[in-house]
N, C-alpha and C. Protein backbone atom coordinates (compact mmCIF):
# COMPACT_ATOMS: atom_id res chain seq x y z
N UNK A 1 -10.15 -16.82 -6.26
CA UNK A 1 -10.83 -17.88 -5.54
C UNK A 1 -12.32 -17.52 -5.37
N UNK A 2 -12.59 -16.27 -4.99
CA UNK A 2 -13.99 -15.85 -4.81
C UNK A 2 -14.78 -16.04 -6.09
N UNK A 3 -14.22 -15.63 -7.20
CA UNK A 3 -14.94 -15.73 -8.47
C UNK A 3 -15.22 -17.18 -8.83
N UNK A 4 -14.30 -18.06 -8.55
CA UNK A 4 -14.53 -19.49 -8.81
C UNK A 4 -15.67 -19.99 -7.93
N UNK A 5 -15.65 -19.61 -6.66
CA UNK A 5 -16.68 -20.07 -5.72
C UNK A 5 -18.07 -19.56 -6.06
N UNK A 6 -18.19 -18.33 -6.57
CA UNK A 6 -19.51 -17.78 -6.85
C UNK A 6 -19.93 -17.94 -8.31
N UNK A 7 -19.08 -18.56 -9.12
CA UNK A 7 -19.43 -18.80 -10.52
C UNK A 7 -19.32 -17.58 -11.40
N UNK A 8 -18.45 -16.64 -11.02
CA UNK A 8 -18.26 -15.42 -11.81
C UNK A 8 -17.06 -15.58 -12.73
N UNK A 9 -17.05 -14.87 -13.85
CA UNK A 9 -15.85 -14.88 -14.68
C UNK A 9 -14.68 -14.27 -13.90
N UNK A 10 -13.51 -14.79 -14.09
CA UNK A 10 -12.33 -14.27 -13.40
C UNK A 10 -11.92 -12.99 -14.13
N UNK A 11 -12.27 -11.86 -13.51
CA UNK A 11 -12.22 -10.56 -14.18
C UNK A 11 -10.85 -10.23 -14.74
N UNK A 12 -9.78 -10.53 -14.04
CA UNK A 12 -8.47 -10.12 -14.51
C UNK A 12 -7.95 -10.98 -15.66
N UNK A 13 -8.64 -12.07 -15.94
CA UNK A 13 -8.28 -12.89 -17.11
C UNK A 13 -8.83 -12.27 -18.40
N UNK A 14 -9.79 -11.36 -18.26
CA UNK A 14 -10.43 -10.74 -19.42
C UNK A 14 -10.07 -9.27 -19.57
N UNK A 15 -9.37 -8.72 -18.59
CA UNK A 15 -9.02 -7.31 -18.61
C UNK A 15 -7.61 -7.16 -18.03
N UNK A 16 -6.64 -6.77 -18.83
CA UNK A 16 -5.26 -6.71 -18.34
C UNK A 16 -4.97 -5.53 -17.40
N UNK A 17 -5.86 -4.57 -17.29
CA UNK A 17 -5.60 -3.37 -16.49
C UNK A 17 -5.30 -3.70 -15.02
N UNK A 18 -6.10 -4.55 -14.33
CA UNK A 18 -5.77 -4.85 -12.93
C UNK A 18 -4.38 -5.48 -12.76
N UNK A 19 -4.00 -6.36 -13.67
CA UNK A 19 -2.68 -6.99 -13.58
C UNK A 19 -1.58 -5.95 -13.80
N UNK A 20 -1.77 -5.10 -14.80
CA UNK A 20 -0.77 -4.06 -15.07
C UNK A 20 -0.66 -3.09 -13.89
N UNK A 21 -1.76 -2.77 -13.27
CA UNK A 21 -1.75 -1.89 -12.10
C UNK A 21 -0.99 -2.53 -10.94
N UNK A 22 -1.23 -3.80 -10.70
CA UNK A 22 -0.50 -4.52 -9.64
C UNK A 22 1.00 -4.54 -9.91
N UNK A 23 1.38 -4.80 -11.13
CA UNK A 23 2.80 -4.81 -11.48
C UNK A 23 3.41 -3.43 -11.31
N UNK A 24 2.70 -2.39 -11.72
CA UNK A 24 3.22 -1.02 -11.58
C UNK A 24 3.39 -0.64 -10.11
N UNK A 25 2.42 -0.99 -9.27
CA UNK A 25 2.52 -0.68 -7.84
C UNK A 25 3.65 -1.48 -7.21
N UNK A 26 3.78 -2.75 -7.57
CA UNK A 26 4.87 -3.57 -7.03
C UNK A 26 6.22 -2.99 -7.43
N UNK A 27 6.34 -2.57 -8.67
CA UNK A 27 7.61 -1.98 -9.13
C UNK A 27 7.90 -0.68 -8.38
N UNK A 28 6.88 0.13 -8.18
CA UNK A 28 7.08 1.40 -7.46
C UNK A 28 7.52 1.15 -6.02
N UNK A 29 6.90 0.18 -5.36
CA UNK A 29 7.28 -0.08 -3.98
C UNK A 29 8.68 -0.67 -3.89
N UNK A 30 9.11 -1.36 -4.92
CA UNK A 30 10.46 -1.93 -4.92
C UNK A 30 11.50 -0.85 -5.17
N UNK A 31 11.17 0.13 -6.00
CA UNK A 31 12.11 1.18 -6.37
C UNK A 31 12.23 2.26 -5.28
N UNK A 32 11.14 2.56 -4.60
CA UNK A 32 11.16 3.62 -3.58
C UNK A 32 11.93 3.12 -2.36
N UNK A 33 12.95 3.83 -1.93
CA UNK A 33 13.73 3.40 -0.76
C UNK A 33 12.87 3.29 0.50
N UNK A 34 13.16 2.29 1.31
CA UNK A 34 12.39 2.07 2.53
C UNK A 34 12.40 3.29 3.46
N UNK A 35 13.50 4.02 3.47
CA UNK A 35 13.59 5.18 4.37
C UNK A 35 12.59 6.28 4.01
N UNK A 36 12.05 6.25 2.79
CA UNK A 36 11.07 7.24 2.38
C UNK A 36 9.66 6.89 2.84
N UNK A 37 9.44 5.65 3.25
CA UNK A 37 8.13 5.20 3.68
C UNK A 37 7.91 5.57 5.14
N UNK A 38 6.75 6.10 5.47
CA UNK A 38 6.45 6.34 6.88
C UNK A 38 6.46 5.02 7.65
N UNK A 39 6.79 5.09 8.93
CA UNK A 39 6.79 3.90 9.76
C UNK A 39 5.42 3.24 9.73
N UNK A 40 5.39 1.94 9.54
CA UNK A 40 4.18 1.13 9.52
C UNK A 40 3.23 1.45 8.36
N UNK A 41 3.73 2.11 7.32
CA UNK A 41 2.87 2.47 6.18
C UNK A 41 2.23 1.24 5.55
N UNK A 42 3.00 0.18 5.40
CA UNK A 42 2.47 -1.03 4.77
C UNK A 42 1.29 -1.58 5.56
N UNK A 43 1.39 -1.55 6.88
CA UNK A 43 0.28 -2.05 7.71
C UNK A 43 -0.99 -1.23 7.50
N UNK A 44 -0.82 0.09 7.39
CA UNK A 44 -1.99 0.96 7.22
C UNK A 44 -2.59 0.82 5.82
N UNK A 45 -1.73 0.71 4.79
CA UNK A 45 -2.25 0.46 3.45
C UNK A 45 -2.96 -0.88 3.39
N UNK A 46 -2.39 -1.87 4.06
CA UNK A 46 -3.01 -3.19 4.10
C UNK A 46 -4.35 -3.14 4.83
N UNK A 47 -4.46 -2.36 5.89
CA UNK A 47 -5.73 -2.22 6.61
C UNK A 47 -6.80 -1.65 5.69
N UNK A 48 -6.43 -0.65 4.89
CA UNK A 48 -7.38 -0.07 3.93
C UNK A 48 -7.77 -1.11 2.89
N UNK A 49 -6.80 -1.85 2.38
CA UNK A 49 -7.10 -2.89 1.39
C UNK A 49 -7.96 -4.00 1.96
N UNK A 50 -7.69 -4.39 3.19
CA UNK A 50 -8.47 -5.43 3.85
C UNK A 50 -9.95 -5.02 3.93
N UNK A 51 -10.19 -3.82 4.40
CA UNK A 51 -11.57 -3.34 4.53
C UNK A 51 -12.24 -3.19 3.17
N UNK A 52 -11.52 -2.61 2.22
CA UNK A 52 -12.09 -2.40 0.89
C UNK A 52 -12.40 -3.71 0.19
N UNK A 53 -11.48 -4.67 0.24
CA UNK A 53 -11.70 -5.92 -0.46
C UNK A 53 -12.73 -6.80 0.24
N UNK A 54 -12.91 -6.63 1.55
CA UNK A 54 -13.98 -7.35 2.24
C UNK A 54 -15.33 -6.89 1.69
N UNK A 55 -15.48 -5.58 1.55
CA UNK A 55 -16.71 -5.01 1.03
C UNK A 55 -16.88 -5.38 -0.45
N UNK A 56 -15.82 -5.23 -1.23
CA UNK A 56 -15.89 -5.52 -2.66
C UNK A 56 -16.25 -6.99 -2.91
N UNK A 57 -15.60 -7.89 -2.20
CA UNK A 57 -15.86 -9.31 -2.39
C UNK A 57 -17.29 -9.69 -2.02
N UNK A 58 -17.78 -9.13 -0.92
CA UNK A 58 -19.16 -9.39 -0.52
C UNK A 58 -20.13 -8.80 -1.54
N UNK A 59 -19.83 -7.61 -2.01
CA UNK A 59 -20.69 -6.98 -3.01
C UNK A 59 -20.76 -7.76 -4.31
N UNK A 60 -19.64 -8.27 -4.74
CA UNK A 60 -19.64 -9.06 -5.98
C UNK A 60 -20.45 -10.34 -5.79
N UNK A 61 -20.33 -10.95 -4.65
CA UNK A 61 -21.11 -12.17 -4.38
C UNK A 61 -22.60 -11.86 -4.40
N UNK A 62 -23.00 -10.74 -3.79
CA UNK A 62 -24.42 -10.36 -3.80
C UNK A 62 -24.90 -10.13 -5.23
N UNK A 63 -24.06 -9.48 -6.05
CA UNK A 63 -24.42 -9.26 -7.46
C UNK A 63 -24.67 -10.57 -8.20
N UNK A 64 -24.02 -11.64 -7.77
CA UNK A 64 -24.17 -12.94 -8.42
C UNK A 64 -25.22 -13.80 -7.73
N UNK A 65 -26.06 -13.17 -6.90
CA UNK A 65 -27.19 -13.87 -6.31
C UNK A 65 -26.87 -14.72 -5.10
N UNK A 66 -25.71 -14.52 -4.50
CA UNK A 66 -25.34 -15.29 -3.31
C UNK A 66 -26.07 -14.70 -2.11
N UNK A 67 -26.56 -15.56 -1.24
CA UNK A 67 -27.30 -15.10 -0.06
C UNK A 67 -26.37 -14.42 0.94
N UNK A 68 -26.92 -13.68 1.91
CA UNK A 68 -26.10 -12.81 2.76
C UNK A 68 -24.93 -13.46 3.50
N UNK A 69 -25.14 -14.57 4.19
CA UNK A 69 -24.04 -15.14 4.98
C UNK A 69 -22.89 -15.62 4.08
N UNK A 70 -23.17 -16.41 3.03
CA UNK A 70 -22.07 -16.78 2.13
C UNK A 70 -21.46 -15.58 1.41
N UNK A 71 -22.26 -14.54 1.16
CA UNK A 71 -21.71 -13.34 0.52
C UNK A 71 -20.70 -12.67 1.45
N UNK A 72 -21.03 -12.59 2.73
CA UNK A 72 -20.07 -12.03 3.69
C UNK A 72 -18.81 -12.89 3.74
N UNK A 73 -18.98 -14.21 3.71
CA UNK A 73 -17.82 -15.11 3.70
C UNK A 73 -16.97 -14.88 2.45
N UNK A 74 -17.62 -14.62 1.32
CA UNK A 74 -16.87 -14.33 0.09
C UNK A 74 -16.04 -13.06 0.25
N UNK A 75 -16.57 -12.07 0.96
CA UNK A 75 -15.80 -10.87 1.24
C UNK A 75 -14.59 -11.15 2.09
N UNK A 76 -14.76 -11.98 3.11
CA UNK A 76 -13.64 -12.34 3.99
C UNK A 76 -12.59 -13.13 3.21
N UNK A 77 -13.03 -14.05 2.37
CA UNK A 77 -12.10 -14.83 1.54
C UNK A 77 -11.32 -13.91 0.60
N UNK A 78 -12.02 -12.98 -0.02
CA UNK A 78 -11.37 -12.04 -0.94
C UNK A 78 -10.26 -11.27 -0.22
N UNK A 79 -10.57 -10.73 0.94
CA UNK A 79 -9.59 -9.93 1.69
C UNK A 79 -8.51 -10.81 2.30
N UNK A 80 -8.90 -11.94 2.87
CA UNK A 80 -7.94 -12.80 3.55
C UNK A 80 -6.91 -13.40 2.62
N UNK A 81 -7.34 -13.81 1.43
CA UNK A 81 -6.37 -14.38 0.48
C UNK A 81 -5.35 -13.34 0.04
N UNK A 82 -5.77 -12.10 -0.05
CA UNK A 82 -4.81 -11.03 -0.37
C UNK A 82 -3.73 -10.94 0.69
N UNK A 83 -4.11 -11.03 1.95
CA UNK A 83 -3.13 -10.99 3.04
C UNK A 83 -2.20 -12.19 3.03
N UNK A 84 -2.76 -13.35 2.71
CA UNK A 84 -1.93 -14.56 2.64
C UNK A 84 -0.91 -14.43 1.51
N UNK A 85 -1.36 -13.97 0.35
CA UNK A 85 -0.44 -13.79 -0.79
C UNK A 85 0.65 -12.79 -0.43
N UNK A 86 0.26 -11.69 0.23
CA UNK A 86 1.24 -10.70 0.66
C UNK A 86 2.29 -11.32 1.57
N UNK A 87 1.85 -12.12 2.56
CA UNK A 87 2.77 -12.73 3.51
C UNK A 87 3.70 -13.73 2.84
N UNK A 88 3.17 -14.52 1.93
CA UNK A 88 4.01 -15.48 1.20
C UNK A 88 5.06 -14.73 0.39
N UNK A 89 4.63 -13.68 -0.31
CA UNK A 89 5.55 -12.90 -1.12
C UNK A 89 6.63 -12.24 -0.27
N UNK A 90 6.22 -11.73 0.90
CA UNK A 90 7.17 -11.05 1.79
C UNK A 90 8.02 -12.03 2.60
N UNK A 91 7.65 -13.31 2.61
CA UNK A 91 8.41 -14.31 3.35
C UNK A 91 8.25 -14.17 4.86
N UNK A 92 7.05 -13.78 5.30
CA UNK A 92 6.79 -13.63 6.73
C UNK A 92 5.69 -14.61 7.15
N UNK A 93 5.61 -14.92 8.45
CA UNK A 93 4.53 -15.82 8.89
C UNK A 93 3.17 -15.22 8.55
N UNK A 94 2.25 -16.07 8.17
CA UNK A 94 0.92 -15.62 7.74
C UNK A 94 0.21 -14.86 8.84
N UNK A 95 -0.43 -13.78 8.46
CA UNK A 95 -1.23 -12.98 9.38
C UNK A 95 -2.32 -13.84 10.02
N UNK A 96 -2.77 -14.86 9.31
CA UNK A 96 -3.83 -15.72 9.82
C UNK A 96 -3.38 -16.58 10.99
N UNK A 97 -2.09 -16.76 11.15
CA UNK A 97 -1.56 -17.59 12.24
C UNK A 97 -1.16 -16.76 13.45
N UNK A 98 -1.33 -15.45 13.35
CA UNK A 98 -1.01 -14.58 14.49
C UNK A 98 -2.31 -14.19 15.18
N UNK A 99 -2.20 -13.62 16.35
CA UNK A 99 -3.39 -13.28 17.12
C UNK A 99 -3.94 -11.90 16.81
N UNK A 100 -3.33 -11.19 15.88
CA UNK A 100 -3.78 -9.84 15.56
C UNK A 100 -5.23 -9.86 15.05
N UNK A 101 -5.94 -8.76 15.28
CA UNK A 101 -7.28 -8.64 14.72
C UNK A 101 -7.14 -8.32 13.24
N UNK A 102 -7.30 -9.33 12.43
CA UNK A 102 -7.16 -9.20 10.99
C UNK A 102 -8.41 -9.76 10.32
N UNK A 103 -8.59 -11.06 10.42
CA UNK A 103 -9.78 -11.67 9.83
C UNK A 103 -11.02 -11.10 10.50
N UNK A 104 -10.93 -10.82 11.79
CA UNK A 104 -12.06 -10.23 12.51
C UNK A 104 -12.47 -8.90 11.88
N UNK A 105 -11.50 -8.10 11.50
CA UNK A 105 -11.80 -6.82 10.84
C UNK A 105 -12.45 -7.06 9.48
N UNK A 106 -12.01 -8.08 8.76
CA UNK A 106 -12.63 -8.42 7.47
C UNK A 106 -14.07 -8.88 7.68
N UNK A 107 -14.31 -9.66 8.72
CA UNK A 107 -15.67 -10.11 9.03
C UNK A 107 -16.56 -8.91 9.33
N UNK A 108 -16.05 -7.98 10.13
CA UNK A 108 -16.83 -6.78 10.48
C UNK A 108 -17.16 -5.98 9.22
N UNK A 109 -16.17 -5.75 8.36
CA UNK A 109 -16.41 -5.01 7.12
C UNK A 109 -17.50 -5.66 6.29
N UNK A 110 -17.33 -6.94 6.03
CA UNK A 110 -18.27 -7.66 5.17
C UNK A 110 -19.66 -7.73 5.83
N UNK A 111 -19.71 -7.97 7.13
CA UNK A 111 -21.00 -8.10 7.82
C UNK A 111 -21.76 -6.78 7.82
N UNK A 112 -21.08 -5.68 8.07
CA UNK A 112 -21.74 -4.38 8.05
C UNK A 112 -22.28 -4.09 6.65
N UNK A 113 -21.45 -4.31 5.63
CA UNK A 113 -21.88 -4.07 4.26
C UNK A 113 -23.08 -4.94 3.89
N UNK A 114 -22.99 -6.24 4.14
CA UNK A 114 -24.06 -7.16 3.75
C UNK A 114 -25.33 -6.85 4.53
N UNK A 115 -25.21 -6.58 5.83
CA UNK A 115 -26.40 -6.28 6.64
C UNK A 115 -27.11 -5.03 6.13
N UNK A 116 -26.36 -3.98 5.90
CA UNK A 116 -26.99 -2.74 5.43
C UNK A 116 -27.61 -2.92 4.05
N UNK A 117 -26.93 -3.67 3.20
CA UNK A 117 -27.47 -3.94 1.86
C UNK A 117 -28.75 -4.76 1.97
N UNK A 118 -28.72 -5.79 2.81
CA UNK A 118 -29.88 -6.67 2.99
C UNK A 118 -31.09 -5.89 3.51
N UNK A 119 -30.84 -4.90 4.36
CA UNK A 119 -31.93 -4.10 4.91
C UNK A 119 -32.30 -2.91 4.02
N UNK A 120 -31.76 -2.86 2.81
CA UNK A 120 -32.21 -1.90 1.81
C UNK A 120 -31.57 -0.52 1.87
N UNK A 121 -30.47 -0.38 2.58
CA UNK A 121 -29.78 0.92 2.60
C UNK A 121 -29.13 1.12 1.24
N UNK A 122 -29.34 2.27 0.66
CA UNK A 122 -28.87 2.54 -0.70
C UNK A 122 -27.38 2.86 -0.73
N UNK A 123 -26.75 2.47 -1.84
CA UNK A 123 -25.33 2.77 -2.07
C UNK A 123 -25.14 4.27 -2.09
N UNK A 124 -24.02 4.73 -1.67
CA UNK A 124 -22.78 4.06 -1.29
C UNK A 124 -22.66 3.78 0.20
N UNK A 125 -23.74 4.01 0.98
CA UNK A 125 -23.64 3.95 2.44
C UNK A 125 -23.22 2.60 2.99
N UNK A 126 -23.74 1.48 2.50
CA UNK A 126 -23.26 0.20 3.05
C UNK A 126 -21.76 -0.01 2.82
N UNK A 127 -21.29 0.34 1.63
CA UNK A 127 -19.86 0.17 1.34
C UNK A 127 -19.01 1.08 2.21
N UNK A 128 -19.43 2.32 2.36
CA UNK A 128 -18.69 3.27 3.18
C UNK A 128 -18.68 2.84 4.64
N UNK A 129 -19.83 2.45 5.16
CA UNK A 129 -19.91 2.01 6.56
C UNK A 129 -19.10 0.74 6.79
N UNK A 130 -19.17 -0.21 5.86
CA UNK A 130 -18.40 -1.44 5.99
C UNK A 130 -16.91 -1.16 5.98
N UNK A 131 -16.49 -0.29 5.06
CA UNK A 131 -15.08 0.07 4.99
C UNK A 131 -14.63 0.74 6.29
N UNK A 132 -15.37 1.71 6.74
CA UNK A 132 -14.98 2.45 7.96
C UNK A 132 -14.93 1.51 9.17
N UNK A 133 -15.92 0.63 9.30
CA UNK A 133 -15.95 -0.28 10.45
C UNK A 133 -14.73 -1.21 10.45
N UNK A 134 -14.45 -1.83 9.32
CA UNK A 134 -13.31 -2.75 9.24
C UNK A 134 -11.97 -2.04 9.37
N UNK A 135 -11.84 -0.91 8.69
CA UNK A 135 -10.59 -0.15 8.77
C UNK A 135 -10.36 0.35 10.19
N UNK A 136 -11.42 0.79 10.86
CA UNK A 136 -11.28 1.29 12.23
C UNK A 136 -10.83 0.18 13.17
N UNK A 137 -11.43 -1.00 13.03
CA UNK A 137 -11.03 -2.11 13.90
C UNK A 137 -9.60 -2.53 13.63
N UNK A 138 -9.25 -2.67 12.36
CA UNK A 138 -7.87 -3.06 12.02
C UNK A 138 -6.90 -1.96 12.45
N UNK A 139 -7.28 -0.70 12.25
CA UNK A 139 -6.44 0.41 12.68
C UNK A 139 -6.23 0.42 14.18
N UNK A 140 -7.28 0.13 14.94
CA UNK A 140 -7.14 0.05 16.39
C UNK A 140 -6.19 -1.07 16.78
N UNK A 141 -6.27 -2.19 16.06
CA UNK A 141 -5.37 -3.31 16.33
C UNK A 141 -3.92 -2.92 16.05
N UNK A 142 -3.70 -2.18 14.96
CA UNK A 142 -2.35 -1.74 14.62
C UNK A 142 -1.86 -0.74 15.67
N UNK A 143 -2.68 0.23 15.97
CA UNK A 143 -2.29 1.33 16.88
C UNK A 143 -2.06 0.86 18.31
N UNK A 144 -3.00 0.03 18.83
CA UNK A 144 -2.94 -0.34 20.24
C UNK A 144 -2.60 -1.81 20.47
N UNK A 145 -2.25 -2.52 19.41
CA UNK A 145 -1.86 -3.93 19.56
C UNK A 145 -2.99 -4.84 20.00
N UNK A 146 -4.22 -4.53 19.60
CA UNK A 146 -5.35 -5.37 19.98
C UNK A 146 -5.21 -6.75 19.34
N UNK A 147 -5.46 -7.78 20.11
CA UNK A 147 -5.35 -9.16 19.62
C UNK A 147 -6.52 -9.98 20.12
N UNK A 148 -6.68 -11.12 19.50
CA UNK A 148 -7.63 -12.10 20.00
C UNK A 148 -6.98 -12.80 21.19
N UNK A 149 -7.78 -13.32 22.10
CA UNK A 149 -7.16 -14.09 23.20
C UNK A 149 -6.51 -15.36 22.64
N UNK A 150 -5.46 -15.82 23.29
CA UNK A 150 -4.81 -17.05 22.80
C UNK A 150 -5.74 -18.24 22.87
N UNK A 151 -5.57 -19.14 21.92
CA UNK A 151 -6.37 -20.36 21.87
C UNK A 151 -5.95 -21.28 23.01
N UNK A 152 -6.91 -21.80 23.73
CA UNK A 152 -6.64 -22.73 24.83
C UNK A 152 -6.67 -24.14 24.27
N UNK A 153 -5.49 -24.73 24.09
CA UNK A 153 -5.40 -26.09 23.57
C UNK A 153 -5.86 -27.12 24.60
N UNK A 154 -6.03 -28.33 24.15
CA UNK A 154 -6.49 -29.40 25.04
C UNK A 154 -5.37 -29.94 25.86
């Protein structure tokens, strides 16, 4: 979706390696018995992926000449769609419909990365700082159950 929005070639349509890697990881997770996985491992791996893909998506948008605010949004879209696909595949309610700090962590990752890049901080520091900020926030949400306040309906 991000690549379509920013006018970039859809990378995995031209290179089979990312698709093969996804299939290999999916097969490995299916074969490995659940009892071998540490408790909440999926949540922690997902937190790392959320932070990394927020930064990656924003970075790719910047490479394609997208201005800072839409570039940060592209990072959030990149990370958020991954979570939605995961939830659909797992048959669980979407993370986006729960009060957990999820999209907020993606926003923090992308915003830190884009801000530092915009202000001329040289790589790899913006990516590292964005990743750490988003992963830390999502990790705190996992560890201590941090949530957004409930929406006050009319």
